[in-house]
Amino acid sequence: MAKSKSKGQRKTTKTGRARAAARKAAPRRRVAKATAKRTPGRAPTAARGRGADAMQALARRIVDVTVGHDDEASLALYADDVESIEMGQPPMHGIDAIRQKFQMWRGMTTDALFRPRSVVVDGNAIVIEWVGTVTLAGNGKTVTLDEVAVHEIRNGKIVRERFYYDPSQLRP
C-alpha cells in the first residue's frame, strides 16, 4: 500500500526542478505594492539613486497637477514631441494636441475629481492607477472612472503616455 503524501509534500519532476532552478537564478525585482497606509500620490521608495529620486519627484508632480486641475503646470511636464494615446482614439502628437485634449475634456465634463490609488516608478516609466468621479456635461450624470496611466519619461519630460479605461463610462 502506498503512503499518502502529507500536506506540503509534492512530487518533484525534472521539469519542476528546472523551474525551481530558473527561479533561483533569475534576478529578483522589487515591486512596490499599494498599501492602505501609504499616502495617496506618493511614489514607492524601493528604487534608490539620483535618477530614481528625480523620477519619484516627477511622479509626485504629475499627481499634484492632476489633482489640482492645473493644465498649464501639466503642459510643462511634456516633451515638445510627446505622443498621447487615449482608449479607442488615434495617437495625438505634440503639446498643441495635449492642449486640445485638455480643452475637449473640460468641455465634456462639469466636474472631475481624481485620486491616485497607486503610483509605481520603474526605470523610465511612471504608472498611476487613478480613481475618478466625473460629472458629464451633457446629462449631468456622475460616473466612477477607473484608469491606469502609463507615462514614459526621457530627460525629465513625458515623451509618451497611454491611458487605459472603459470609454463607455464617458458616453452620455
N, C-alpha and C. Protein backbone atom coordinates (compact mmCIF):
# COMPACT_ATOMS: atom_id res chain seq x y z
N MET A 1 0.84 -1.17 0.00
CA MET A 1 0.00 0.00 0.00
C MET A 1 0.89 1.24 0.00
N ALA A 2 0.59 2.18 -0.86
CA ALA A 2 1.41 3.38 -0.97
C ALA A 2 1.06 4.36 0.13
N LYS A 3 2.09 5.04 0.59
CA LYS A 3 1.88 6.06 1.62
C LYS A 3 1.29 7.31 0.97
N SER A 4 0.33 7.94 1.64
CA SER A 4 -0.18 9.19 1.10
C SER A 4 0.75 10.31 1.53
N LYS A 5 0.82 11.34 0.70
CA LYS A 5 1.71 12.46 1.00
C LYS A 5 1.05 13.38 2.00
N SER A 6 1.84 13.86 2.93
CA SER A 6 1.29 14.81 3.90
C SER A 6 1.21 16.18 3.23
N LYS A 7 0.45 17.05 3.88
CA LYS A 7 0.26 18.39 3.36
C LYS A 7 1.62 19.06 3.19
N GLY A 8 1.84 19.72 2.09
CA GLY A 8 3.09 20.42 1.85
C GLY A 8 4.09 19.60 1.04
N GLN A 9 3.91 18.29 0.94
CA GLN A 9 4.82 17.48 0.14
C GLN A 9 4.32 17.44 -1.28
N ARG A 10 5.26 17.55 -2.22
CA ARG A 10 4.90 17.49 -3.63
C ARG A 10 5.84 16.56 -4.35
N LYS A 11 5.35 15.98 -5.39
CA LYS A 11 6.19 15.16 -6.24
C LYS A 11 7.07 16.11 -7.05
N THR A 12 8.37 15.90 -7.04
CA THR A 12 9.28 16.74 -7.80
C THR A 12 9.61 16.05 -9.10
N THR A 13 9.38 16.76 -10.19
CA THR A 13 9.67 16.21 -11.51
C THR A 13 10.88 16.93 -12.07
N LYS A 14 11.39 16.41 -13.17
CA LYS A 14 12.53 17.04 -13.82
C LYS A 14 12.17 18.48 -14.23
N THR A 15 10.97 18.66 -14.77
CA THR A 15 10.50 19.98 -15.16
C THR A 15 10.37 20.88 -13.94
N GLY A 16 9.83 20.36 -12.87
CA GLY A 16 9.67 21.15 -11.64
C GLY A 16 11.02 21.58 -11.09
N ARG A 17 12.02 20.70 -11.14
CA ARG A 17 13.36 21.05 -10.66
C ARG A 17 13.96 22.14 -11.55
N ALA A 18 13.74 22.04 -12.85
CA ALA A 18 14.28 23.03 -13.78
C ALA A 18 13.65 24.40 -13.51
N ARG A 19 12.33 24.41 -13.27
CA ARG A 19 11.66 25.68 -12.96
C ARG A 19 12.19 26.28 -11.68
N ALA A 20 12.37 25.45 -10.67
CA ALA A 20 12.88 25.93 -9.39
C ALA A 20 14.28 26.51 -9.55
N ALA A 21 15.12 25.86 -10.32
CA ALA A 21 16.48 26.35 -10.55
C ALA A 21 16.44 27.68 -11.31
N ALA A 22 15.55 27.79 -12.28
CA ALA A 22 15.44 29.04 -13.04
C ALA A 22 14.98 30.18 -12.15
N ARG A 23 14.04 29.89 -11.23
CA ARG A 23 13.56 30.93 -10.31
C ARG A 23 14.70 31.42 -9.43
N LYS A 24 15.53 30.50 -8.95
CA LYS A 24 16.64 30.89 -8.09
C LYS A 24 17.67 31.71 -8.86
N ALA A 25 17.88 31.39 -10.13
CA ALA A 25 18.90 32.06 -10.93
C ALA A 25 18.44 33.43 -11.42
N ALA A 26 17.14 33.61 -11.59
CA ALA A 26 16.62 34.86 -12.14
C ALA A 26 16.78 35.99 -11.12
N PRO A 27 17.16 37.19 -11.58
CA PRO A 27 17.27 38.31 -10.65
C PRO A 27 15.89 38.69 -10.14
N ARG A 28 15.82 39.03 -8.87
CA ARG A 28 14.53 39.42 -8.28
C ARG A 28 14.32 40.91 -8.46
N ARG A 29 13.12 41.28 -8.82
CA ARG A 29 12.76 42.69 -8.95
C ARG A 29 11.87 43.05 -7.79
N ARG A 30 12.15 44.17 -7.22
CA ARG A 30 11.27 44.65 -6.15
C ARG A 30 10.12 45.38 -6.79
N VAL A 31 8.95 45.01 -6.43
CA VAL A 31 7.75 45.63 -6.95
C VAL A 31 7.04 46.31 -5.79
N ALA A 32 6.81 47.59 -5.94
CA ALA A 32 6.13 48.31 -4.88
C ALA A 32 4.65 47.96 -4.92
N LYS A 33 4.10 47.72 -3.76
CA LYS A 33 2.68 47.40 -3.66
C LYS A 33 1.95 48.55 -2.98
N ALA A 34 0.76 48.81 -3.44
CA ALA A 34 -0.05 49.84 -2.80
C ALA A 34 -0.55 49.29 -1.47
N THR A 35 -0.47 50.10 -0.45
CA THR A 35 -0.98 49.71 0.85
C THR A 35 -1.89 50.80 1.36
N ALA A 36 -2.76 50.44 2.25
CA ALA A 36 -3.69 51.41 2.82
C ALA A 36 -2.95 52.46 3.62
N LYS A 37 -1.78 52.13 4.16
CA LYS A 37 -1.03 53.07 4.99
C LYS A 37 -0.29 54.11 4.18
N ARG A 38 -0.01 53.83 2.92
CA ARG A 38 0.77 54.75 2.12
C ARG A 38 -0.05 55.98 1.78
N THR A 39 0.59 57.13 1.79
CA THR A 39 -0.08 58.37 1.43
C THR A 39 -0.41 58.34 -0.05
N PRO A 40 -1.69 58.58 -0.41
CA PRO A 40 -2.05 58.57 -1.82
C PRO A 40 -1.19 59.58 -2.58
N GLY A 41 -0.76 59.18 -3.77
CA GLY A 41 0.02 60.07 -4.60
C GLY A 41 1.50 60.00 -4.34
N ARG A 42 1.91 59.30 -3.31
CA ARG A 42 3.33 59.16 -3.02
C ARG A 42 3.86 57.95 -3.77
N ALA A 43 4.91 58.15 -4.51
CA ALA A 43 5.50 57.05 -5.25
C ALA A 43 6.29 56.17 -4.29
N PRO A 44 6.34 54.87 -4.54
CA PRO A 44 7.08 53.96 -3.67
C PRO A 44 8.57 54.30 -3.67
N THR A 45 9.25 53.95 -2.61
CA THR A 45 10.65 54.32 -2.47
C THR A 45 11.58 53.13 -2.58
N ALA A 46 11.20 52.13 -3.35
CA ALA A 46 12.03 50.94 -3.49
C ALA A 46 13.32 51.25 -4.23
N ALA A 47 13.25 52.11 -5.23
CA ALA A 47 14.44 52.42 -6.02
C ALA A 47 15.25 53.51 -5.33
N ARG A 48 16.55 53.49 -5.52
CA ARG A 48 17.45 54.48 -4.91
C ARG A 48 18.31 55.13 -5.98
N GLY A 49 18.86 56.28 -5.68
CA GLY A 49 19.76 56.97 -6.60
C GLY A 49 19.14 58.27 -7.07
N ARG A 50 20.01 59.14 -7.62
CA ARG A 50 19.54 60.44 -8.06
C ARG A 50 18.49 60.35 -9.15
N GLY A 51 18.70 59.45 -10.13
CA GLY A 51 17.72 59.29 -11.20
C GLY A 51 16.39 58.80 -10.66
N ALA A 52 16.45 57.86 -9.72
CA ALA A 52 15.23 57.34 -9.12
C ALA A 52 14.53 58.42 -8.31
N ASP A 53 15.30 59.24 -7.59
CA ASP A 53 14.71 60.33 -6.82
C ASP A 53 14.02 61.34 -7.74
N ALA A 54 14.64 61.63 -8.88
CA ALA A 54 14.03 62.55 -9.83
C ALA A 54 12.74 61.97 -10.40
N MET A 55 12.72 60.67 -10.66
CA MET A 55 11.51 60.03 -11.15
C MET A 55 10.41 60.05 -10.10
N GLN A 56 10.78 59.81 -8.84
CA GLN A 56 9.81 59.87 -7.75
C GLN A 56 9.21 61.28 -7.67
N ALA A 57 10.06 62.29 -7.76
CA ALA A 57 9.60 63.68 -7.69
C ALA A 57 8.68 63.99 -8.87
N LEU A 58 9.01 63.51 -10.05
CA LEU A 58 8.16 63.74 -11.22
C LEU A 58 6.82 63.04 -11.05
N ALA A 59 6.82 61.84 -10.51
CA ALA A 59 5.56 61.13 -10.25
C ALA A 59 4.68 61.94 -9.30
N ARG A 60 5.28 62.46 -8.23
CA ARG A 60 4.52 63.30 -7.29
C ARG A 60 3.98 64.54 -7.98
N ARG A 61 4.79 65.12 -8.87
CA ARG A 61 4.37 66.33 -9.59
C ARG A 61 3.19 66.02 -10.51
N ILE A 62 3.23 64.90 -11.21
CA ILE A 62 2.12 64.51 -12.09
C ILE A 62 0.85 64.38 -11.26
N VAL A 63 0.94 63.74 -10.12
CA VAL A 63 -0.23 63.58 -9.25
C VAL A 63 -0.73 64.95 -8.79
N ASP A 64 0.17 65.79 -8.32
CA ASP A 64 -0.23 67.10 -7.78
C ASP A 64 -0.93 67.97 -8.83
N VAL A 65 -0.39 68.05 -10.05
CA VAL A 65 -1.01 68.91 -11.06
C VAL A 65 -2.32 68.32 -11.57
N THR A 66 -2.42 67.00 -11.57
CA THR A 66 -3.67 66.36 -11.99
C THR A 66 -4.77 66.60 -10.97
N VAL A 67 -4.45 66.35 -9.71
CA VAL A 67 -5.43 66.56 -8.64
C VAL A 67 -5.82 68.04 -8.56
N GLY A 68 -4.86 68.93 -8.82
CA GLY A 68 -5.12 70.37 -8.74
C GLY A 68 -5.71 70.97 -9.99
N HIS A 69 -5.97 70.18 -11.03
CA HIS A 69 -6.54 70.66 -12.30
C HIS A 69 -5.71 71.81 -12.89
N ASP A 70 -4.40 71.72 -12.79
CA ASP A 70 -3.51 72.78 -13.26
C ASP A 70 -2.98 72.43 -14.66
N ASP A 71 -3.74 72.83 -15.67
CA ASP A 71 -3.39 72.48 -17.05
C ASP A 71 -2.05 73.06 -17.47
N GLU A 72 -1.78 74.31 -17.12
CA GLU A 72 -0.52 74.94 -17.52
C GLU A 72 0.68 74.23 -16.89
N ALA A 73 0.58 73.87 -15.62
CA ALA A 73 1.66 73.13 -14.97
C ALA A 73 1.78 71.74 -15.58
N SER A 74 0.66 71.14 -15.98
CA SER A 74 0.69 69.83 -16.63
C SER A 74 1.43 69.91 -17.96
N LEU A 75 1.15 70.94 -18.75
CA LEU A 75 1.79 71.09 -20.05
C LEU A 75 3.31 71.20 -19.92
N ALA A 76 3.78 71.78 -18.83
CA ALA A 76 5.22 71.93 -18.60
C ALA A 76 5.92 70.58 -18.38
N LEU A 77 5.16 69.53 -18.08
CA LEU A 77 5.74 68.21 -17.82
C LEU A 77 6.01 67.43 -19.11
N TYR A 78 5.52 67.92 -20.25
CA TYR A 78 5.59 67.18 -21.50
C TYR A 78 6.76 67.64 -22.38
N ALA A 79 7.34 66.67 -23.10
CA ALA A 79 8.31 66.99 -24.15
C ALA A 79 7.53 67.57 -25.33
N ASP A 80 8.20 68.37 -26.13
CA ASP A 80 7.53 69.00 -27.28
C ASP A 80 6.95 67.98 -28.25
N ASP A 81 7.61 66.84 -28.39
CA ASP A 81 7.17 65.82 -29.36
C ASP A 81 6.41 64.68 -28.69
N VAL A 82 5.72 64.95 -27.60
CA VAL A 82 5.01 63.93 -26.84
C VAL A 82 3.98 63.20 -27.71
N GLU A 83 3.79 61.93 -27.39
CA GLU A 83 2.72 61.14 -28.00
C GLU A 83 1.77 60.74 -26.89
N SER A 84 0.47 61.00 -27.08
CA SER A 84 -0.54 60.67 -26.08
C SER A 84 -1.60 59.79 -26.73
N ILE A 85 -1.93 58.68 -26.04
CA ILE A 85 -2.89 57.73 -26.59
C ILE A 85 -4.01 57.51 -25.58
N GLU A 86 -5.22 57.84 -25.99
CA GLU A 86 -6.43 57.60 -25.20
C GLU A 86 -7.13 56.36 -25.76
N MET A 87 -7.89 55.70 -24.91
CA MET A 87 -8.60 54.48 -25.32
C MET A 87 -9.49 54.75 -26.54
N GLY A 88 -9.32 53.91 -27.56
CA GLY A 88 -10.17 53.97 -28.75
C GLY A 88 -9.92 55.17 -29.64
N GLN A 89 -8.85 55.92 -29.41
CA GLN A 89 -8.55 57.11 -30.21
C GLN A 89 -7.19 56.94 -30.89
N PRO A 90 -7.00 57.60 -32.02
CA PRO A 90 -5.67 57.55 -32.64
C PRO A 90 -4.68 58.35 -31.78
N PRO A 91 -3.40 58.04 -31.87
CA PRO A 91 -2.40 58.78 -31.09
C PRO A 91 -2.41 60.27 -31.44
N MET A 92 -2.16 61.08 -30.42
CA MET A 92 -2.04 62.53 -30.60
C MET A 92 -0.58 62.88 -30.40
N HIS A 93 -0.09 63.89 -31.16
CA HIS A 93 1.33 64.23 -31.10
C HIS A 93 1.51 65.72 -30.84
N GLY A 94 2.40 66.03 -29.90
CA GLY A 94 2.80 67.41 -29.65
C GLY A 94 2.01 68.09 -28.54
N ILE A 95 2.58 69.19 -28.06
CA ILE A 95 1.98 69.97 -26.97
C ILE A 95 0.63 70.54 -27.37
N ASP A 96 0.49 71.02 -28.62
CA ASP A 96 -0.80 71.57 -29.05
C ASP A 96 -1.90 70.51 -29.01
N ALA A 97 -1.57 69.28 -29.33
CA ALA A 97 -2.56 68.19 -29.25
C ALA A 97 -2.96 67.94 -27.80
N ILE A 98 -2.00 68.02 -26.87
CA ILE A 98 -2.30 67.85 -25.45
C ILE A 98 -3.21 68.99 -24.98
N ARG A 99 -2.90 70.20 -25.40
CA ARG A 99 -3.73 71.37 -25.04
C ARG A 99 -5.17 71.18 -25.55
N GLN A 100 -5.31 70.70 -26.78
CA GLN A 100 -6.65 70.44 -27.34
C GLN A 100 -7.37 69.34 -26.57
N LYS A 101 -6.61 68.33 -26.17
CA LYS A 101 -7.21 67.24 -25.39
C LYS A 101 -7.74 67.77 -24.05
N PHE A 102 -6.98 68.64 -23.40
CA PHE A 102 -7.43 69.24 -22.14
C PHE A 102 -8.71 70.04 -22.35
N GLN A 103 -8.77 70.83 -23.44
CA GLN A 103 -9.97 71.62 -23.73
C GLN A 103 -11.17 70.72 -24.00
N MET A 104 -10.95 69.64 -24.75
CA MET A 104 -12.04 68.70 -25.02
C MET A 104 -12.55 68.09 -23.71
N TRP A 105 -11.62 67.70 -22.82
CA TRP A 105 -12.00 67.11 -21.54
C TRP A 105 -12.84 68.09 -20.72
N ARG A 106 -12.38 69.34 -20.65
CA ARG A 106 -13.12 70.36 -19.89
C ARG A 106 -14.50 70.60 -20.50
N GLY A 107 -14.63 70.43 -21.82
CA GLY A 107 -15.92 70.61 -22.48
C GLY A 107 -16.89 69.46 -22.25
N MET A 108 -16.38 68.27 -22.03
CA MET A 108 -17.28 67.13 -21.85
C MET A 108 -17.58 66.81 -20.39
N THR A 109 -16.94 67.53 -19.45
CA THR A 109 -17.19 67.31 -18.03
C THR A 109 -17.49 68.64 -17.35
N THR A 110 -18.31 68.58 -16.30
CA THR A 110 -18.52 69.78 -15.49
C THR A 110 -17.72 69.70 -14.20
N ASP A 111 -17.34 68.49 -13.82
CA ASP A 111 -16.54 68.30 -12.61
C ASP A 111 -15.82 66.96 -12.73
N ALA A 112 -14.60 66.95 -12.23
CA ALA A 112 -13.82 65.70 -12.22
C ALA A 112 -12.88 65.73 -11.03
N LEU A 113 -12.98 64.71 -10.22
CA LEU A 113 -12.12 64.59 -9.05
C LEU A 113 -11.38 63.26 -9.17
N PHE A 114 -10.07 63.32 -9.29
CA PHE A 114 -9.26 62.12 -9.40
C PHE A 114 -8.37 61.98 -8.18
N ARG A 115 -8.22 60.73 -7.74
CA ARG A 115 -7.25 60.45 -6.67
C ARG A 115 -6.45 59.23 -7.08
N PRO A 116 -5.17 59.25 -6.76
CA PRO A 116 -4.34 58.11 -7.13
C PRO A 116 -4.56 56.95 -6.18
N ARG A 117 -4.78 55.77 -6.72
CA ARG A 117 -4.90 54.56 -5.91
C ARG A 117 -3.51 53.98 -5.67
N SER A 118 -2.68 54.00 -6.71
CA SER A 118 -1.29 53.54 -6.55
C SER A 118 -0.42 54.25 -7.58
N VAL A 119 0.84 54.41 -7.21
CA VAL A 119 1.83 55.06 -8.06
C VAL A 119 3.07 54.18 -8.03
N VAL A 120 3.54 53.79 -9.21
CA VAL A 120 4.72 52.93 -9.30
C VAL A 120 5.70 53.57 -10.27
N VAL A 121 6.96 53.63 -9.85
CA VAL A 121 8.03 54.12 -10.70
C VAL A 121 8.96 52.95 -10.96
N ASP A 122 9.23 52.70 -12.25
CA ASP A 122 10.12 51.60 -12.61
C ASP A 122 10.91 52.02 -13.83
N GLY A 123 12.22 52.18 -13.66
CA GLY A 123 13.05 52.60 -14.79
C GLY A 123 12.62 53.95 -15.30
N ASN A 124 12.26 54.01 -16.60
CA ASN A 124 11.83 55.28 -17.18
C ASN A 124 10.31 55.38 -17.29
N ALA A 125 9.60 54.60 -16.49
CA ALA A 125 8.13 54.61 -16.55
C ALA A 125 7.52 54.97 -15.21
N ILE A 126 6.44 55.73 -15.29
CA ILE A 126 5.62 56.05 -14.13
C ILE A 126 4.22 55.53 -14.45
N VAL A 127 3.70 54.67 -13.58
CA VAL A 127 2.37 54.10 -13.77
C VAL A 127 1.50 54.55 -12.61
N ILE A 128 0.37 55.17 -12.93
CA ILE A 128 -0.53 55.66 -11.90
C ILE A 128 -1.90 55.05 -12.13
N GLU A 129 -2.41 54.43 -11.08
CA GLU A 129 -3.78 53.91 -11.11
C GLU A 129 -4.65 54.98 -10.47
N TRP A 130 -5.59 55.49 -11.25
CA TRP A 130 -6.46 56.57 -10.80
C TRP A 130 -7.88 56.06 -10.56
N VAL A 131 -8.56 56.71 -9.61
CA VAL A 131 -9.99 56.53 -9.41
C VAL A 131 -10.60 57.92 -9.56
N GLY A 132 -11.49 58.05 -10.52
CA GLY A 132 -12.09 59.35 -10.78
C GLY A 132 -13.58 59.34 -10.56
N THR A 133 -14.07 60.46 -10.08
CA THR A 133 -15.50 60.72 -10.01
C THR A 133 -15.74 61.87 -10.98
N VAL A 134 -16.45 61.58 -12.06
CA VAL A 134 -16.58 62.52 -13.17
C VAL A 134 -18.05 62.82 -13.42
N THR A 135 -18.37 64.11 -13.54
CA THR A 135 -19.72 64.54 -13.88
C THR A 135 -19.71 64.96 -15.34
N LEU A 136 -20.54 64.31 -16.15
CA LEU A 136 -20.58 64.58 -17.59
C LEU A 136 -21.39 65.83 -17.88
N ALA A 137 -20.91 66.65 -18.81
CA ALA A 137 -21.55 67.92 -19.13
C ALA A 137 -22.89 67.73 -19.82
N GLY A 138 -23.02 66.76 -20.70
CA GLY A 138 -24.23 66.60 -21.49
C GLY A 138 -25.48 66.30 -20.68
N ASN A 139 -25.35 65.42 -19.69
CA ASN A 139 -26.54 64.98 -18.97
C ASN A 139 -26.43 65.10 -17.45
N GLY A 140 -25.30 65.56 -16.96
CA GLY A 140 -25.13 65.71 -15.52
C GLY A 140 -24.89 64.41 -14.78
N LYS A 141 -24.77 63.31 -15.52
CA LYS A 141 -24.55 62.00 -14.92
C LYS A 141 -23.16 61.95 -14.29
N THR A 142 -23.07 61.40 -13.07
CA THR A 142 -21.79 61.23 -12.40
C THR A 142 -21.39 59.77 -12.47
N VAL A 143 -20.15 59.53 -12.93
CA VAL A 143 -19.65 58.17 -13.09
C VAL A 143 -18.33 58.02 -12.36
N THR A 144 -18.03 56.78 -12.02
CA THR A 144 -16.72 56.44 -11.48
C THR A 144 -15.87 55.94 -12.63
N LEU A 145 -14.70 56.52 -12.78
CA LEU A 145 -13.82 56.16 -13.87
C LEU A 145 -12.52 55.61 -13.29
N ASP A 146 -12.31 54.30 -13.45
CA ASP A 146 -11.05 53.68 -13.06
C ASP A 146 -10.12 53.74 -14.26
N GLU A 147 -8.91 54.24 -14.04
CA GLU A 147 -7.99 54.46 -15.15
C GLU A 147 -6.57 54.10 -14.73
N VAL A 148 -5.82 53.61 -15.68
CA VAL A 148 -4.38 53.40 -15.48
C VAL A 148 -3.67 54.25 -16.51
N ALA A 149 -2.74 55.08 -16.03
CA ALA A 149 -1.95 55.94 -16.90
C ALA A 149 -0.50 55.45 -16.88
N VAL A 150 0.07 55.29 -18.05
CA VAL A 150 1.47 54.88 -18.18
C VAL A 150 2.20 56.03 -18.85
N HIS A 151 3.18 56.59 -18.13
CA HIS A 151 3.96 57.72 -18.66
C HIS A 151 5.39 57.26 -18.88
N GLU A 152 5.89 57.43 -20.09
CA GLU A 152 7.29 57.13 -20.38
C GLU A 152 8.07 58.44 -20.33
N ILE A 153 9.20 58.41 -19.64
CA ILE A 153 9.96 59.62 -19.37
C ILE A 153 11.32 59.57 -20.05
N ARG A 154 11.72 60.72 -20.61
CA ARG A 154 13.08 60.87 -21.14
C ARG A 154 13.53 62.30 -20.84
N ASN A 155 14.71 62.42 -20.27
CA ASN A 155 15.27 63.74 -19.92
C ASN A 155 14.32 64.55 -19.03
N GLY A 156 13.63 63.86 -18.13
CA GLY A 156 12.77 64.54 -17.17
C GLY A 156 11.42 64.98 -17.70
N LYS A 157 11.07 64.60 -18.91
CA LYS A 157 9.79 65.01 -19.52
C LYS A 157 9.02 63.78 -19.98
N ILE A 158 7.70 63.91 -20.03
CA ILE A 158 6.84 62.84 -20.55
C ILE A 158 6.96 62.85 -22.07
N VAL A 159 7.41 61.72 -22.63
CA VAL A 159 7.54 61.62 -24.08
C VAL A 159 6.44 60.76 -24.70
N ARG A 160 5.83 59.91 -23.88
CA ARG A 160 4.74 59.06 -24.37
C ARG A 160 3.86 58.71 -23.19
N GLU A 161 2.56 58.75 -23.41
CA GLU A 161 1.63 58.35 -22.35
C GLU A 161 0.49 57.57 -22.98
N ARG A 162 0.00 56.62 -22.19
CA ARG A 162 -1.13 55.80 -22.62
C ARG A 162 -2.11 55.72 -21.45
N PHE A 163 -3.38 55.82 -21.76
CA PHE A 163 -4.42 55.76 -20.74
C PHE A 163 -5.33 54.57 -21.02
N TYR A 164 -5.58 53.77 -19.99
CA TYR A 164 -6.41 52.58 -20.10
C TYR A 164 -7.61 52.74 -19.18
N TYR A 165 -8.81 52.67 -19.76
CA TYR A 165 -10.07 52.80 -19.02
C TYR A 165 -11.20 52.30 -19.92
N ASP A 166 -12.38 52.23 -19.36
CA ASP A 166 -13.54 51.82 -20.13
C ASP A 166 -14.20 53.07 -20.72
N PRO A 167 -14.01 53.35 -22.03
CA PRO A 167 -14.55 54.56 -22.62
C PRO A 167 -16.07 54.63 -22.60
N SER A 168 -16.75 53.49 -22.45
CA SER A 168 -18.21 53.53 -22.40
C SER A 168 -18.71 54.28 -21.16
N GLN A 169 -17.87 54.38 -20.15
CA GLN A 169 -18.25 55.13 -18.93
C GLN A 169 -18.47 56.61 -19.24
N LEU A 170 -17.84 57.12 -20.27
CA LEU A 170 -17.91 58.55 -20.60
C LEU A 170 -18.96 58.88 -21.64
N ARG A 171 -19.70 57.89 -22.09
CA ARG A 171 -20.76 58.14 -23.07
C ARG A 171 -22.00 58.65 -22.36
N PRO A 172 -22.66 59.63 -23.00
CA PRO A 172 -23.91 60.17 -22.39
C PRO A 172 -25.04 59.17 -22.33
